C-alpha atoms as a PDB file:
ATOM      1  CA  MET A   1      -0.033   0.022  -0.046  1.00  0.00           C
ATOM      2  CA  ALA A   2       1.284   3.477  -0.847  1.00  0.00           C
ATOM      3  CA  LEU A   3       2.186   5.569   2.288  1.00  0.00           C
ATOM      4  CA  LYS A   4       2.111   8.710   0.274  1.00  0.00           C
ATOM      5  CA  ASP A   5       1.441   9.916  -3.197  1.00  0.00           C
ATOM      6  CA  ILE A   6       4.245   8.209  -5.162  1.00  0.00           C
ATOM      7  CA  TYR A   7       5.677   8.132  -8.776  1.00  0.00           C
ATOM      8  CA  LEU A   8       5.307   4.955 -10.994  1.00  0.00           C
ATOM      9  CA  LYS A   9       8.599   5.015 -12.943  1.00  0.00           C
ATOM     10  CA  THR A  10       9.431   3.203 -16.200  1.00  0.00           C
ATOM     11  CA  LYS A  11      12.622   1.664 -14.657  1.00  0.00           C
ATOM     12  CA  ALA A  12      13.945   0.731 -11.218  1.00  0.00           C
ATOM     13  CA  ASP A  13      15.864   3.895 -10.885  1.00  0.00           C
ATOM     14  CA  ASP A  14      15.490   7.067  -9.243  1.00  0.00           C
ATOM     15  CA  GLN A  15      16.470   9.028 -12.310  1.00  0.00           C
ATOM     16  CA  SER A  16      14.188   7.098 -14.780  1.00  0.00           C
ATOM     17  CA  LYS A  17      11.052   8.545 -16.506  1.00  0.00           C
ATOM     18  CA  ILE A  18       7.806   9.398 -14.402  1.00  0.00           C
ATOM     19  CA  GLN A  19       4.716   7.576 -16.025  1.00  0.00           C
ATOM     20  CA  THR A  20       2.171   8.691 -13.477  1.00  0.00           C
ATOM     21  CA  THR A  21       1.398   9.365  -9.760  1.00  0.00           C
ATOM     22  CA  ILE A  22      -0.248   6.867  -7.622  1.00  0.00           C
ATOM     23  CA  PRO A  23      -2.403   8.234  -4.833  1.00  0.00           C
ATOM     24  CA  GLN A  24      -1.772   7.784  -1.274  1.00  0.00           C
ATOM     25  CA  GLY A  25      -3.421   4.518   0.260  1.00  0.00           C
ATOM     26  CA  THR A  26      -3.609   2.719  -3.173  1.00  0.00           C
ATOM     27  CA  ARG A  27      -3.289  -1.039  -2.716  1.00  0.00           C
ATOM     28  CA  LEU A  28      -0.878  -2.642  -5.297  1.00  0.00           C
ATOM     29  CA  ALA A  29       0.056  -6.124  -6.385  1.00  0.00           C
ATOM     30  CA  VAL A  30       3.742  -6.738  -6.797  1.00  0.00           C
ATOM     31  CA  GLU A  31       5.223  -8.878  -9.534  1.00  0.00           C
ATOM     32  CA  LYS A  32       8.848  -8.690  -8.466  1.00  0.00           C
ATOM     33  CA  TYR A  33      11.375  -6.616  -6.447  1.00  0.00           C
ATOM     34  CA  GLU A  34      14.329  -5.161  -8.209  1.00  0.00           C
ATOM     35  CA  ASN A  35      17.026  -2.684  -7.009  1.00  0.00           C
ATOM     36  CA  ARG A  36      14.945  -1.354  -4.018  1.00  0.00           C
ATOM     37  CA  PHE A  37      12.027  -0.907  -6.282  1.00  0.00           C
ATOM     38  CA  ALA A  38       8.827  -2.994  -6.855  1.00  0.00           C
ATOM     39  CA  LEU A  39       7.366  -3.739 -10.231  1.00  0.00           C
ATOM     40  CA  VAL A  40       3.572  -3.122 -10.136  1.00  0.00           C
ATOM     41  CA  GLN A  41       0.441  -2.888 -12.263  1.00  0.00           C
ATOM     42  CA  TYR A  42      -1.688   0.476 -11.883  1.00  0.00           C
ATOM     43  CA  GLN A  43      -4.554   1.085 -14.083  1.00  0.00           C
ATOM     44  CA  ASN A  44      -3.200   0.702 -17.621  1.00  0.00           C
ATOM     45  CA  TYR A  45       0.245   1.272 -16.606  1.00  0.00           C
ATOM     46  CA  GLN A  46       3.089  -1.149 -15.521  1.00  0.00           C
ATOM     47  CA  GLY A  47       6.260   0.407 -13.780  1.00  0.00           C
ATOM     48  CA  TYR A  48       8.359   0.641 -10.544  1.00  0.00           C
ATOM     49  CA  VAL A  49       7.721   2.394  -7.215  1.00  0.00           C
ATOM     50  CA  ASP A  50      10.141   3.062  -4.589  1.00  0.00           C
ATOM     51  CA  LEU A  51       9.907   0.397  -1.652  1.00  0.00           C
ATOM     52  CA  SER A  52      10.722   3.050   0.941  1.00  0.00           C
ATOM     53  CA  GLU A  53       7.209   4.542   0.065  1.00  0.00           C
ATOM     54  CA  LEU A  54       5.310   1.265   0.622  1.00  0.00           C
ATOM     55  CA  ILE A  55       4.018  -0.797   3.582  1.00  0.00           C
ATOM     56  CA  THR A  56       4.175  -4.269   2.576  1.00  0.00           C
ATOM     57  CA  LYS A  57       3.056  -7.811   3.967  1.00  0.00           C
ATOM     58  CA  PHE A  58       6.772  -8.468   4.588  1.00  0.00           C
ATOM     59  CA  ASP A  59       6.723  -5.510   7.197  1.00  0.00           C
ATOM     60  CA  PHE A  60       4.533  -7.689   9.406  1.00  0.00           C
ATOM     61  CA  ALA A  61       6.268 -11.106   9.005  1.00  0.00           C
ATOM     62  CA  THR A  62       7.646 -13.030  11.935  1.00  0.00           C
ATOM     63  CA  PHE A  63       8.908 -16.027   9.957  1.00  0.00           C
ATOM     64  CA  VAL A  64       9.693 -16.273   6.039  1.00  0.00           C
ATOM     65  CA  PHE A  65      10.469 -19.608   4.254  1.00  0.00           C
ATOM     66  CA  ALA A  66      13.401 -19.129   1.845  1.00  0.00           C
ATOM     67  CA  LYS A  67      16.557 -20.826   0.521  1.00  0.00           C
ATOM     68  CA  VAL A  68      19.800 -19.665   1.827  1.00  0.00           C
ATOM     69  CA  GLY A  69      22.819 -21.264   0.367  1.00  0.00           C
ATOM     70  CA  ASN A  70      21.619 -24.954  -0.429  1.00  0.00           C
ATOM     71  CA  ARG A  71      19.089 -25.124   2.444  1.00  0.00           C
ATOM     72  CA  ALA A  72      15.481 -23.879   2.160  1.00  0.00           C
ATOM     73  CA  GLU A  73      14.087 -23.302   5.733  1.00  0.00           C
ATOM     74  CA  TRP A  74      12.204 -21.043   8.059  1.00  0.00           C
ATOM     75  CA  HIS A  75      14.009 -17.842   9.200  1.00  0.00           C
ATOM     76  CA  GLN A  76      12.965 -15.551  12.065  1.00  0.00           C
ATOM     77  CA  VAL A  77      12.508 -11.933  10.803  1.00  0.00           C
ATOM     78  CA  ARG A  78      14.132  -8.945  12.368  1.00  0.00           C
ATOM     79  CA  VAL A  79      13.326  -6.423   9.849  1.00  0.00           C
ATOM     80  CA  ARG A  80      12.614  -5.470   6.177  1.00  0.00           C
ATOM     81  CA  SER A  81      15.134  -3.594   4.618  1.00  0.00           C
ATOM     82  CA  PHE A  82      14.093  -2.430   1.103  1.00  0.00           C
ATOM     83  CA  ASP A  83      13.858  -5.352  -1.023  1.00  0.00           C
ATOM     84  CA  ASN A  84      15.592  -7.607   1.455  1.00  0.00           C
ATOM     85  CA  ILE A  85      14.649  -9.297   4.819  1.00  0.00           C
ATOM     86  CA  ILE A  86      17.114  -9.209   7.468  1.00  0.00           C
ATOM     87  CA  THR A  87      16.769 -12.269   9.872  1.00  0.00           C
ATOM     88  CA  LEU A  88      17.577 -12.344  13.640  1.00  0.00           C
ATOM     89  CA  LYS A  89      20.978 -13.913  12.331  1.00  0.00           C
ATOM     90  CA  ASN A  90      21.694 -10.823  10.235  1.00  0.00           C
ATOM     91  CA  GLU A  91      21.255 -13.026   6.970  1.00  0.00           C
ATOM     92  CA  LYS A  92      20.046 -10.927   4.119  1.00  0.00           C
ATOM     93  CA  ILE A  93      17.262 -12.618   2.190  1.00  0.00           C
ATOM     94  CA  PRO A  94      16.010 -11.112  -1.085  1.00  0.00           C
ATOM     95  CA  LEU A  95      12.106 -10.632  -1.174  1.00  0.00           C
ATOM     96  CA  ASN A  96      12.166 -12.562  -4.462  1.00  0.00           C
ATOM     97  CA  ALA A  97      13.611 -15.548  -2.651  1.00  0.00           C
ATOM     98  CA  VAL A  98      10.718 -15.643  -0.114  1.00  0.00           C
ATOM     99  CA  LYS A  99       8.280 -18.593  -0.842  1.00  0.00           C
ATOM    100  CA  GLY A 100       6.139 -18.382   2.309  1.00  0.00           C
ATOM    101  CA  MET A 101       5.669 -16.347   5.559  1.00  0.00           C
ATOM    102  CA  ILE A 102       3.742 -16.007   8.818  1.00  0.00           C
ATOM    103  CA  THR A 103       2.063 -12.819   9.553  1.00  0.00           C
ATOM    104  CA  PRO A 104       0.237 -12.721  12.900  1.00  0.00           C
ATOM    105  CA  SER A 105      -3.245 -11.359  12.747  1.00  0.00           C
ATOM    106  CA  SER A 106      -2.604  -9.156  15.820  1.00  0.00           C
ATOM    107  CA  LYS A 107      -0.211  -6.782  13.888  1.00  0.00           C
ATOM    108  CA  GLY A 108      -1.398  -3.588  12.238  1.00  0.00           C
ATOM    109  CA  ILE A 109      -0.606   0.006  11.438  1.00  0.00           C
ATOM    110  CA  ILE A 110      -1.962   3.267  12.123  1.00  0.00           C
ATOM    111  CA  ALA A 111      -1.717   6.434   9.884  1.00  0.00           C
ATOM    112  CA  SER A 112      -2.864   9.824   9.643  1.00  0.00           C
ATOM    113  CA  SER A 113      -4.635  10.540   6.461  1.00  0.00           C
ATOM    114  CA  SER A 114      -4.631  14.298   6.989  1.00  0.00           C
ATOM    115  CA  GLN A 115      -0.883  14.573   6.235  1.00  0.00           C
ATOM    116  CA  LYS A 116       0.661  14.145   3.048  1.00  0.00           C
ATOM    117  CA  ILE A 117       3.140  11.706   4.506  1.00  0.00           C
ATOM    118  CA  PRO A 118       1.244   9.618   7.057  1.00  0.00           C
ATOM    119  CA  LEU A 119       2.460   9.226  10.696  1.00  0.00           C
ATOM    120  CA  TRP A 120       2.525   5.433  10.776  1.00  0.00           C
ATOM    121  CA  SER A 121       3.769   2.691  13.015  1.00  0.00           C
ATOM    122  CA  GLN A 122       3.160  -0.910  13.905  1.00  0.00           C
ATOM    123  CA  VAL A 123       0.689  -1.650  16.576  1.00  0.00           C
ATOM    124  CA  GLU A 124      -0.296  -4.694  18.531  1.00  0.00           C
ATOM    125  CA  LEU A 125      -3.998  -5.448  18.461  1.00  0.00           C
ATOM    126  CA  GLY A 126      -5.515  -6.416  21.880  1.00  0.00           C
ATOM    127  CA  LEU A 127      -8.846  -7.812  23.060  1.00  0.00           C
ATOM    128  CA  ASP A 128     -11.258  -5.555  24.963  1.00  0.00           C
ATOM    129  CA  LYS A 129     -11.399  -6.241  28.556  1.00  0.00           C
ATOM    130  CA  ILE A 130     -14.507  -8.733  29.180  1.00  0.00           C
ATOM    131  CA  THR A 131     -16.768  -7.380  31.939  1.00  0.00           C
ATOM    132  CA  SER A 132     -19.215  -9.733  33.562  1.00  0.00           C
ATOM    133  CA  TRP A 133     -22.028  -9.086  36.093  1.00  0.00           C
ATOM    134  CA  ASN A 134     -22.620 -11.368  39.037  1.00  0.00           C
ATOM    135  CA  GLN A 135     -25.626 -11.626  41.376  1.00  0.00           C
ATOM    136  CA  SER A 136     -25.294 -12.359  45.000  1.00  0.00           C
ATOM    137  CA  LYS A 137     -27.589 -12.369  47.994  1.00  0.00           C
ATOM    138  CA  LEU A 138     -26.551 -10.455  51.040  1.00  0.00           C
ATOM    139  CA  LYS A 139     -28.016 -11.241  54.302  1.00  0.00           C
ATOM    140  CA  GLU A 140     -30.634  -8.601  55.435  1.00  0.00           C
ATOM    141  CA  HIS A 141     -30.262  -6.814  52.117  1.00  0.00           C
ATOM    142  CA  GLY A 142     -31.475  -9.244  49.420  1.00  0.00           C
ATOM    143  CA  LEU A 143     -30.091  -9.665  45.763  1.00  0.00           C
ATOM    144  CA  VAL A 144     -27.399  -7.254  44.607  1.00  0.00           C
ATOM    145  CA  TRP A 145     -25.514  -7.182  41.163  1.00  0.00           C
ATOM    146  CA  TRP A 146     -21.742  -6.634  40.955  1.00  0.00           C
ATOM    147  CA  LYS A 147     -19.052  -6.764  38.231  1.00  0.00           C
ATOM    148  CA  THR A 148     -15.448  -8.018  37.626  1.00  0.00           C
ATOM    149  CA  SER A 149     -13.266  -7.263  34.844  1.00  0.00           C
ATOM    150  CA  ARG A 150     -11.453 -10.583  33.466  1.00  0.00           C
ATOM    151  CA  GLY A 151      -7.756  -9.991  32.651  1.00  0.00           C
ATOM    152  CA  ALA A 152      -7.613  -6.335  34.442  1.00  0.00           C
ATOM    153  CA  GLU A 153      -4.945  -7.695  36.766  1.00  0.00           C
ATOM    154  CA  GLN A 154      -1.856  -9.857  35.709  1.00  0.00           C
ATOM    155  CA  ILE A 155      -1.162 -12.892  37.943  1.00  0.00           C
ATOM    156  CA  TYR A 156       2.439 -13.846  38.571  1.00  0.00           C
ATOM    157  CA  TYR A 157       3.706 -17.035  40.456  1.00  0.00           C
ATOM    158  CA  SER A 158       7.195 -17.745  41.863  1.00  0.00           C
ATOM    159  CA  ILE A 159       8.812 -21.103  40.801  1.00  0.00           C
ATOM    160  CA  ASP A 160       8.517 -22.431  44.215  1.00  0.00           C
ATOM    161  CA  GLU A 161       4.674 -21.985  44.162  1.00  0.00           C
ATOM    162  CA  LEU A 162       4.466 -23.646  40.721  1.00  0.00           C
ATOM    163  CA  LEU A 163       6.472 -26.612  41.860  1.00  0.00           C
ATOM    164  CA  LYS A 164       4.021 -27.356  44.515  1.00  0.00           C
ATOM    165  CA  LYS A 165       1.375 -28.108  41.746  1.00  0.00           C
ATOM    166  CA  ASP A 166       1.224 -31.182  39.710  1.00  0.00           C
ATOM    167  CA  VAL A 167       2.925 -29.955  36.398  1.00  0.00           C
ATOM    168  CA  ALA A 168       1.532 -31.523  33.482  1.00  0.00           C
ATOM    169  CA  SER A 169       4.234 -30.198  30.838  1.00  0.00           C
ATOM    170  CA  VAL A 170       7.106 -27.936  30.678  1.00  0.00           C
ATOM    171  CA  SER A 171       9.604 -26.804  28.107  1.00  0.00           C
ATOM    172  CA  PHE A 172      12.402 -24.269  27.996  1.00  0.00           C
ATOM    173  CA  HIS A 173      14.025 -22.173  25.390  1.00  0.00           C
ATOM    174  CA  PRO A 174      16.542 -24.487  23.626  1.00  0.00           C
ATOM    175  CA  GLN A 175      19.293 -21.681  24.023  1.00  0.00           C
ATOM    176  CA  ASN A 176      18.018 -19.827  27.157  1.00  0.00           C
ATOM    177  CA  PRO A 177      16.957 -22.066  30.098  1.00  0.00           C
ATOM    178  CA  LEU A 178      15.605 -18.952  31.838  1.00  0.00           C
ATOM    179  CA  LYS A 179      12.836 -18.784  29.391  1.00  0.00           C
ATOM    180  CA  GLY A 180      10.187 -21.425  29.742  1.00  0.00           C
ATOM    181  CA  ILE A 181       6.606 -22.384  29.543  1.00  0.00           C
ATOM    182  CA  LEU A 182       4.589 -24.987  31.541  1.00  0.00           C
ATOM    183  CA  SER A 183       1.009 -26.203  32.229  1.00  0.00           C
ATOM    184  CA  SER A 184      -0.588 -26.985  35.712  1.00  0.00           C
ATOM    185  CA  ASP A 185      -4.290 -25.999  35.885  1.00  0.00           C
ATOM    186  CA  GLY A 186      -3.431 -23.378  33.511  1.00  0.00           C
ATOM    187  CA  VAL A 187      -0.320 -22.038  31.462  1.00  0.00           C
ATOM    188  CA  TYR A 188       2.378 -20.133  32.770  1.00  0.00           C
ATOM    189  CA  ILE A 189       5.466 -18.370  30.980  1.00  0.00           C
ATOM    190  CA  THR A 190       8.693 -16.969  32.351  1.00  0.00           C
ATOM    191  CA  GLU A 191      11.431 -14.731  31.017  1.00  0.00           C
ATOM    192  CA  ASN A 192      13.800 -15.091  34.072  1.00  0.00           C
ATOM    193  CA  GLY A 193      13.223 -18.466  35.558  1.00  0.00           C
ATOM    194  CA  ASN A 194      11.676 -17.185  38.759  1.00  0.00           C
ATOM    195  CA  SER A 195       8.654 -15.109  38.144  1.00  0.00           C
ATOM    196  CA  TRP A 196       5.877 -16.969  35.892  1.00  0.00           C
ATOM    197  CA  LYS A 197       3.110 -15.106  34.306  1.00  0.00           C
ATOM    198  CA  LYS A 198      -0.223 -16.932  34.038  1.00  0.00           C
ATOM    199  CA  LEU A 199      -1.800 -16.663  30.642  1.00  0.00           C
ATOM    200  CA  GLN A 200      -5.537 -16.044  31.213  1.00  0.00           C
ATOM    201  CA  GLN A 201      -6.991 -17.622  28.065  1.00  0.00           C
ATOM    202  CA  PHE A 202      -5.747 -21.003  29.202  1.00  0.00           C
ATOM    203  CA  GLU A 203      -7.732 -21.610  32.329  1.00  0.00           C
ATOM    204  CA  ASN A 204      -7.319 -25.165  33.946  1.00  0.00           C
ATOM    205  CA  PHE A 205      -5.101 -26.401  31.004  1.00  0.00           C
ATOM    206  CA  ASN A 206      -3.125 -29.421  31.668  1.00  0.00           C
ATOM    207  CA  GLY A 207      -1.932 -30.266  28.329  1.00  0.00           C
ATOM    208  CA  PRO A 208       1.450 -30.207  26.292  1.00  0.00           C
ATOM    209  CA  VAL A 209       3.506 -26.967  25.822  1.00  0.00           C
ATOM    210  CA  HIS A 210       6.625 -26.557  23.654  1.00  0.00           C
ATOM    211  CA  TYR A 211       9.132 -23.577  23.478  1.00  0.00           C
ATOM    212  CA  PHE A 212      10.589 -23.615  19.943  1.00  0.00           C
ATOM    213  CA  ASN A 213      12.427 -20.285  19.921  1.00  0.00           C
ATOM    214  CA  ASP A 214      11.952 -16.329  21.018  1.00  0.00           C
ATOM    215  CA  GLY A 215       8.926 -16.140  18.771  1.00  0.00           C
ATOM    216  CA  LEU A 216       7.309 -19.681  18.422  1.00  0.00           C
ATOM    217  CA  LEU A 217       5.431 -21.368  21.230  1.00  0.00           C
ATOM    218  CA  PHE A 218       2.767 -24.116  21.302  1.00  0.00           C
ATOM    219  CA  VAL A 219       0.106 -24.943  23.797  1.00  0.00           C
ATOM    220  CA  GLY A 220      -2.010 -27.788  22.757  1.00  0.00           C
ATOM    221  CA  ASN A 221      -3.733 -27.007  19.683  1.00  0.00           C
ATOM    222  CA  PHE A 222      -2.703 -23.404  19.875  1.00  0.00           C
ATOM    223  CA  ARG A 223       0.512 -21.507  18.648  1.00  0.00           C
ATOM    224  CA  SER A 224       2.098 -18.092  19.307  1.00  0.00           C
ATOM    225  CA  THR A 225       4.343 -16.456  16.700  1.00  0.00           C
ATOM    226  CA  ASP A 226       5.027 -13.458  18.917  1.00  0.00           C
ATOM    227  CA  GLY A 227       6.665 -14.980  22.133  1.00  0.00           C
ATOM    228  CA  GLY A 228       3.490 -15.760  23.976  1.00  0.00           C
ATOM    229  CA  SER A 229       1.599 -12.466  23.789  1.00  0.00           C
ATOM    230  CA  THR A 230      -1.130 -13.893  21.516  1.00  0.00           C
ATOM    231  CA  PHE A 231      -2.181 -17.310  20.579  1.00  0.00           C
ATOM    232  CA  ASP A 232      -4.206 -18.780  17.513  1.00  0.00           C
ATOM    233  CA  ASN A 233      -5.714 -22.093  17.072  1.00  0.00           C
ATOM    234  CA  TYR A 234      -2.995 -23.865  14.875  1.00  0.00           C
ATOM    235  CA  ILE A 235      -3.604 -27.537  14.680  1.00  0.00           C
ATOM    236  CA  GLN A 236      -6.720 -27.982  12.496  1.00  0.00           C
ATOM    237  CA  ILE A 237      -8.418 -31.129  13.741  1.00  0.00           C
ATOM    238  CA  ASP A 238     -10.274 -31.675  10.542  1.00  0.00           C
ATOM    239  CA  LYS A 239      -6.975 -32.056   8.674  1.00  0.00           C
ATOM    240  CA  LEU A 240      -5.513 -34.309  11.256  1.00  0.00           C
ATOM    241  CA  ALA A 241      -8.540 -36.396  11.496  1.00  0.00           C
ATOM    242  CA  SER A 242      -8.550 -36.851   7.487  1.00  0.00           C
ATOM    243  CA  ALA A 243      -4.864 -37.773   7.696  1.00  0.00           C
ATOM    244  CA  ILE A 244      -5.515 -40.593  10.133  1.00  0.00           C
ATOM    245  CA  GLU A 245      -8.431 -41.808   8.385  1.00  0.00           C
ATOM    246  CA  TYR A 246      -6.424 -41.992   5.013  1.00  0.00           C
ATOM    247  CA  GLN A 247      -3.273 -43.618   6.582  1.00  0.00           C
ATOM    248  CA  PHE A 248      -4.877 -45.943   9.338  1.00  0.00           C
ATOM    249  CA  GLY A 249      -8.324 -46.696   7.671  1.00  0.00           C
ATOM    250  CA  PHE A 250     -10.425 -45.343  10.584  1.00  0.00           C
ATOM    251  CA  PHE A 251     -12.028 -42.044  11.797  1.00  0.00           C
ATOM    252  CA  PRO A 252     -10.922 -41.209  15.152  1.00  0.00           C
ATOM    253  CA  LYS A 253     -13.769 -40.770  17.769  1.00  0.00           C
ATOM    254  CA  GLN A 254     -11.800 -38.039  19.575  1.00  0.00           C
ATOM    255  CA  LEU A 255      -8.491 -36.134  19.013  1.00  0.00           C
ATOM    256  CA  HIS A 256      -6.482 -35.031  22.007  1.00  0.00           C
ATOM    257  CA  VAL A 257      -2.912 -33.456  21.652  1.00  0.00           C
ATOM    258  CA  LYS A 258      -0.962 -35.356  24.292  1.00  0.00           C
ATOM    259  CA  ARG A 259       2.506 -34.406  23.451  1.00  0.00           C
ATOM    260  CA  ILE A 260       4.351 -31.635  21.259  1.00  0.00           C
ATOM    261  CA  GLU A 261       7.960 -31.567  20.059  1.00  0.00           C
ATOM    262  CA  THR A 262       9.924 -30.380  17.111  1.00  0.00           C
ATOM    263  CA  ARG A 263      12.598 -32.243  15.046  1.00  0.00           C
ATOM    264  CA  ALA A 264      15.223 -30.752  12.773  1.00  0.00           C
ATOM    265  CA  PRO A 265      14.884 -29.284  10.329  1.00  0.00           C
ATOM    266  CA  TYR A 266      11.423 -27.534  11.202  1.00  0.00           C
ATOM    267  CA  LYS A 267       9.326 -30.598  11.618  1.00  0.00           C
ATOM    268  CA  LEU A 268       6.446 -30.632  14.282  1.00  0.00           C
ATOM    269  CA  LYS A 269       5.755 -34.149  15.925  1.00  0.00           C
ATOM    270  CA  ILE A 270       2.740 -34.513  18.138  1.00  0.00           C
ATOM    271  CA  GLU A 271       1.356 -37.685  19.884  1.00  0.00           C
ATOM    272  CA  ILE A 272      -2.376 -37.989  19.574  1.00  0.00           C
ATOM    273  CA  ASP A 273      -5.092 -39.833  21.684  1.00  0.00           C
ATOM    274  CA  THR A 274      -7.899 -40.955  19.258  1.00  0.00           C
ATOM    275  CA  GLY A 275     -10.009 -42.675  21.860  1.00  0.00           C
ATOM    276  CA  ASN A 276      -8.895 -46.157  21.286  1.00  0.00           C
ATOM    277  CA  ARG A 277      -5.055 -45.760  20.612  1.00  0.00           C
ATOM    278  CA  ARG A 278      -2.234 -43.279  20.585  1.00  0.00           C
ATOM    279  CA  ILE A 279      -0.780 -42.114  17.230  1.00  0.00           C
ATOM    280  CA  LYS A 280       2.386 -40.201  16.513  1.00  0.00           C
ATOM    281  CA  MET A 281       2.150 -37.663  13.664  1.00  0.00           C
ATOM    282  CA  GLU A 282       4.563 -35.345  12.007  1.00  0.00           C
ATOM    283  CA  SER A 283       4.126 -32.293   9.754  1.00  0.00           C
ATOM    284  CA  PRO A 284       6.528 -29.416   8.537  1.00  0.00           C
ATOM    285  CA  LEU A 285       6.379 -26.926  11.103  1.00  0.00           C
ATOM    286  CA  PHE A 286       4.220 -24.230   9.179  1.00  0.00           C
ATOM    287  CA  THR A 287       1.916 -26.514   7.325  1.00  0.00           C
ATOM    288  CA  GLN A 288      -0.784 -29.065   8.011  1.00  0.00           C
ATOM    289  CA  ASN A 289       0.696 -31.871   6.032  1.00  0.00           C
ATOM    290  CA  TRP A 290       0.420 -34.755   8.638  1.00  0.00           C
ATOM    291  CA  LYS A 291       2.040 -38.060   8.305  1.00  0.00           C
ATOM    292  CA  ALA A 292       2.370 -40.974  10.828  1.00  0.00           C
ATOM    293  CA  VAL A 293       5.751 -41.669  12.192  1.00  0.00           C
ATOM    294  CA  LYS A 294       7.299 -44.160  14.494  1.00  0.00           C
ATOM    295  CA  GLY A 295       9.586 -43.513  17.579  1.00  0.00           C
END
């Protein structure tokens, strides 16, 4: 999308001829990226626009799938720099080489349309606080209504408090053992190994958790791509059930994820309780192409 009125040029060069002006806020489909420019179609024109004057889907990506050297794999994104992605490992990946990406639905931008060059920045979309009313009966008074705001107060626990509970599952960051996630009648996450924050949306949860890296975490069927700030329902039960029916010849009565782990390079392995047996399934980390595995 154009962040301001921008010139459409004949070549990917600042000095090339201007064909027309594209208005601010116009959505464009990019055909390829070249020399810090993007080749686009606009009305009856085809030409190049400066990437510094566009907001793109790459600006919201947390992971991209691309081939670096002889190996195609997922890379965690630090920032977009013109027509390149800069990864957390400071690798430079051309946008033309990106074959897939993850863009969390909680990311957005704000802009001021009253200015020629909009004031814009990335924002994190949050859920409104849910207010519920409760009814109680007070002695010598009768019925009264009162309200509470769920999620208004963040709850933290010490590691000593959590160890007194029955821990169902725990997983730590593969490079930083101070970062972890565990489940025990709820889900808790820590950045320092001592103070554990309770994630309110997983009340009474006692299923599997898995800490893949700084951005990617799993809680049962759910996945976070922003380090545990938000979660989306990732493991699609219908695709998993269809894969089990195709490979084992029966349709599962139930599907409960009992264990989650990852295998190199970028494979997600889960153990499933189908009601009458347990099955181990594996899929590429960012797809839903499930296949049965042993061991």
